[in-house]
Protein backbone atom coordinates (compact mmCIF):
# COMPACT_ATOMS: atom_id res chain seq x y z
CA MET A 1 9.37 10.99 -22.74
CA SER A 2 8.09 9.01 -19.94
CA ARG A 3 9.47 5.48 -20.10
CA ILE A 4 6.97 3.96 -17.28
CA GLY A 5 4.10 5.42 -19.32
CA ASN A 6 4.78 3.90 -22.60
CA LYS A 7 4.96 0.34 -21.53
CA ALA A 8 1.74 -1.44 -21.73
CA VAL A 9 0.07 -2.90 -18.55
CA SER A 10 -0.56 -6.72 -19.40
CA VAL A 11 -4.24 -7.85 -17.86
CA PRO A 12 -4.59 -11.41 -16.89
CA ALA A 13 -7.19 -13.75 -17.86
CA LYS A 14 -9.31 -13.34 -14.48
CA VAL A 15 -9.48 -9.58 -14.66
CA VAL A 16 -11.67 -7.28 -16.66
CA VAL A 17 -10.96 -3.79 -17.19
CA THR A 18 -13.64 -1.34 -18.11
CA LEU A 19 -12.21 1.90 -19.92
CA GLY A 20 -14.57 5.18 -19.29
CA GLU A 21 -14.15 8.50 -20.48
CA GLU A 22 -13.71 9.94 -16.81
CA VAL A 23 -13.13 6.52 -15.01
CA VAL A 24 -11.45 3.38 -15.40
CA ALA A 25 -12.61 0.16 -13.45
CA VAL A 26 -10.69 -3.05 -12.62
CA LYS A 27 -12.64 -6.23 -11.60
CA GLY A 28 -10.60 -9.29 -10.57
CA PRO A 29 -11.10 -12.39 -8.09
CA LYS A 30 -10.24 -10.46 -5.18
CA GLY A 31 -12.29 -7.16 -5.84
CA GLU A 32 -13.10 -3.93 -7.84
CA LEU A 33 -11.85 -0.96 -8.07
CA SER A 34 -11.95 2.32 -10.27
CA MET A 35 -10.12 5.58 -10.29
CA ALA A 36 -10.89 8.84 -12.11
CA VAL A 37 -9.07 9.35 -15.61
CA VAL A 38 -7.09 12.83 -15.66
CA ASP A 39 -7.69 15.33 -18.42
CA GLY A 40 -5.39 14.65 -21.42
CA VAL A 41 -4.75 10.82 -20.79
CA SER A 42 -6.58 7.98 -22.96
CA PHE A 43 -6.54 4.27 -22.77
CA GLU A 44 -6.63 1.92 -25.56
CA GLN A 45 -7.05 -2.01 -25.08
CA ALA A 46 -6.26 -4.51 -27.41
CA ASP A 47 -4.56 -8.27 -26.76
CA GLY A 48 -4.95 -8.72 -23.47
CA LYS A 49 -3.02 -5.24 -22.58
CA VAL A 50 -3.93 -1.79 -22.10
CA GLN A 51 -1.95 1.17 -23.35
CA VAL A 52 -1.78 4.79 -21.87
CA ASN A 53 -1.71 7.56 -24.19
CA ARG A 54 -1.49 11.14 -23.74
CA LEU A 55 -2.66 13.93 -25.82
CA GLY A 56 -0.24 16.60 -25.38
CA ASP A 57 3.66 16.97 -24.16
CA SER A 58 3.44 19.50 -21.49
CA PRO A 59 5.51 18.30 -18.40
CA ARG A 60 2.02 18.29 -16.30
CA LEU A 61 1.10 15.72 -19.16
CA ARG A 62 3.89 13.80 -19.12
CA ALA A 63 3.83 13.30 -15.59
CA ASN A 64 0.04 12.53 -15.35
CA HIS A 65 1.00 9.85 -18.62
CA GLY A 66 3.51 7.80 -16.00
CA LEU A 67 1.13 8.14 -13.09
CA MET A 68 -2.12 6.72 -14.65
CA ARG A 69 -0.06 3.76 -16.10
CA ALA A 70 0.91 3.38 -12.78
CA LEU A 71 -1.95 3.52 -10.75
CA LEU A 72 -3.56 1.39 -13.47
CA ALA A 73 -0.99 -1.36 -13.17
CA ASN A 74 -1.51 -1.32 -9.33
CA MET A 75 -5.21 -1.63 -9.62
CA VAL A 76 -4.77 -4.99 -12.14
CA THR A 77 -2.10 -6.21 -9.42
CA GLY A 78 -4.42 -5.52 -6.56
CA VAL A 79 -7.52 -7.37 -7.70
CA SER A 80 -5.74 -10.03 -9.07
CA VAL A 81 -3.10 -10.95 -6.58
CA GLY A 82 -3.48 -8.13 -3.63
CA PHE A 83 -0.84 -6.20 -1.69
CA GLU A 84 0.29 -7.20 1.64
CA LYS A 85 2.98 -5.08 4.06
CA LYS A 86 4.28 -6.86 7.17
CA LEU A 87 5.45 -5.09 10.45
CA GLU A 88 7.40 -6.13 13.29
CA ILE A 89 7.14 -5.18 17.06
CA ILE A 90 10.20 -4.60 18.82
CA GLY A 91 10.45 -4.24 22.63
CA VAL A 92 9.90 -5.82 25.69
CA GLY A 93 6.08 -6.38 26.80
CA TYR A 94 5.14 -5.01 23.22
CA LYS A 95 2.50 -7.01 21.56
CA ALA A 96 -0.28 -7.06 19.12
CA ASP A 97 -3.69 -8.92 18.88
CA VAL A 98 -6.67 -8.92 16.77
CA ALA A 99 -10.28 -9.36 18.30
CA GLY A 100 -13.00 -9.10 15.94
CA SER A 101 -12.54 -6.27 13.73
CA LYS A 102 -10.05 -4.30 15.78
CA LEU A 103 -6.17 -4.54 16.23
CA THR A 104 -5.24 -3.76 19.69
CA LEU A 105 -1.46 -2.64 20.14
CA ASN A 106 0.47 -2.78 23.73
CA LEU A 107 3.18 -0.65 23.07
CA GLY A 108 4.36 0.59 26.21
CA TYR A 109 1.98 3.54 27.01
CA SER A 110 -0.45 3.45 30.15
CA HIS A 111 -3.29 1.98 28.03
CA PRO A 112 -3.75 -0.22 25.07
CA ILE A 113 -4.23 1.02 21.58
CA GLU A 114 -7.20 -0.09 19.59
CA TYR A 115 -7.15 0.52 15.76
CA PRO A 116 -10.58 -0.41 13.82
CA PHE A 117 -9.78 -2.22 10.36
CA PRO A 118 -10.03 0.34 8.00
CA GLU A 119 -12.51 -0.20 4.95
CA GLY A 120 -11.01 -2.95 2.59
CA ILE A 121 -8.05 -3.70 5.07
CA GLN A 122 -7.79 -7.04 6.66
CA LEU A 123 -5.24 -7.26 9.72
CA ALA A 124 -3.79 -10.32 10.73
CA THR A 125 -0.96 -11.28 13.80
CA GLU A 126 1.45 -14.02 13.44
CA GLY A 127 2.64 -14.53 17.08
CA PRO A 128 2.29 -11.39 19.09
CA THR A 129 5.18 -9.47 17.48
CA LYS A 130 4.10 -9.58 13.95
CA ILE A 131 1.52 -7.92 11.71
CA THR A 132 -0.19 -8.47 8.51
CA VAL A 133 -1.66 -5.76 6.57
CA ARG A 134 -3.58 -7.34 3.32
CA GLY A 135 -5.72 -5.64 0.66
CA ILE A 136 -6.40 -5.06 -2.90
CA ASP A 137 -5.68 -1.15 -2.97
CA LYS A 138 -1.92 -0.27 -2.34
CA GLU A 139 -2.63 2.84 -1.32
CA ARG A 140 -4.86 2.01 1.64
CA VAL A 141 -2.42 -1.21 2.43
CA GLY A 142 0.26 1.55 2.94
CA GLN A 143 -1.44 3.97 4.55
CA ALA A 144 -2.69 1.71 7.22
CA ALA A 145 0.59 0.38 7.99
CA ALA A 146 2.13 3.69 8.25
CA GLU A 147 -0.75 4.39 10.86
CA ILE A 148 0.10 1.53 12.70
CA ARG A 149 4.09 2.20 12.75
CA GLY A 150 3.10 5.74 13.74
CA PHE A 151 1.47 4.42 17.03
CA ARG A 152 5.09 4.00 18.50
CA SER A 153 7.83 4.54 15.76
CA PRO A 154 10.97 2.87 16.23
CA ASP A 155 13.17 4.71 18.82
CA SER A 156 16.74 5.98 17.65
CA TYR A 157 18.66 4.70 20.67
CA LYS A 158 17.16 1.29 21.20
CA GLY A 159 15.24 0.34 18.49
CA LYS A 160 12.29 -0.20 19.99
CA GLY A 161 8.81 0.24 18.34
CA VAL A 162 6.77 -0.87 15.24
CA ARG A 163 9.06 -1.07 12.15
CA TYR A 164 8.32 -2.72 8.84
CA ALA A 165 9.67 -5.95 8.07
CA GLY A 166 13.09 -5.70 7.11
CA GLU A 167 13.48 -1.79 7.92
CA HIS A 168 16.81 -1.25 8.68
CA ILE A 169 16.97 1.57 11.92
CA ARG A 170 20.40 3.17 12.67
CA LEU A 171 20.79 3.42 16.18
CA LYS A 172 22.55 6.26 17.69
CA ALA A 173 25.36 5.97 20.17
CA GLY A 174 24.33 6.76 24.04
CA LYS A 175 25.95 8.85 26.40
CA SER A 176 29.85 7.91 26.84
CA GLY A 177 31.10 6.82 30.23
CA GLN A 178 34.00 9.08 31.52
């Protein structure tokens, strides 16, 4: 029994959920999102809540039951509040700057890295070493943050590189002197 799938998704007053046979669409003040419905899962809307039901009891359907509920909840949160991830840049001379629709990163390479904004994502810098990734789609926000982090992941010896805000990096011991 899926514990996540059985919880109803509460829909705020500003958000409109449109349930279809094959597509679920959610529209809110920040934008609009839609997703395809997996076979064997149905939705019911009543009293400002959406309940996700499954039509069978196979392991695949049980997994999809919780997945569809989690995706619907993320869509409702995204169009009403939005998602954001914060990144920190650690290292001497490492910095980031937003110009137009490109993020320019200087991460110790011989050239600056230019990262164009993905569709539906806003990037902002708070000082030269802090980057904020915002958007309504949780998956795209996470993917954009992971791509930026991937340009220079944190070094395991000095900790230099791009990391998520609050991420703890375990540093290895360097060479021991004789």
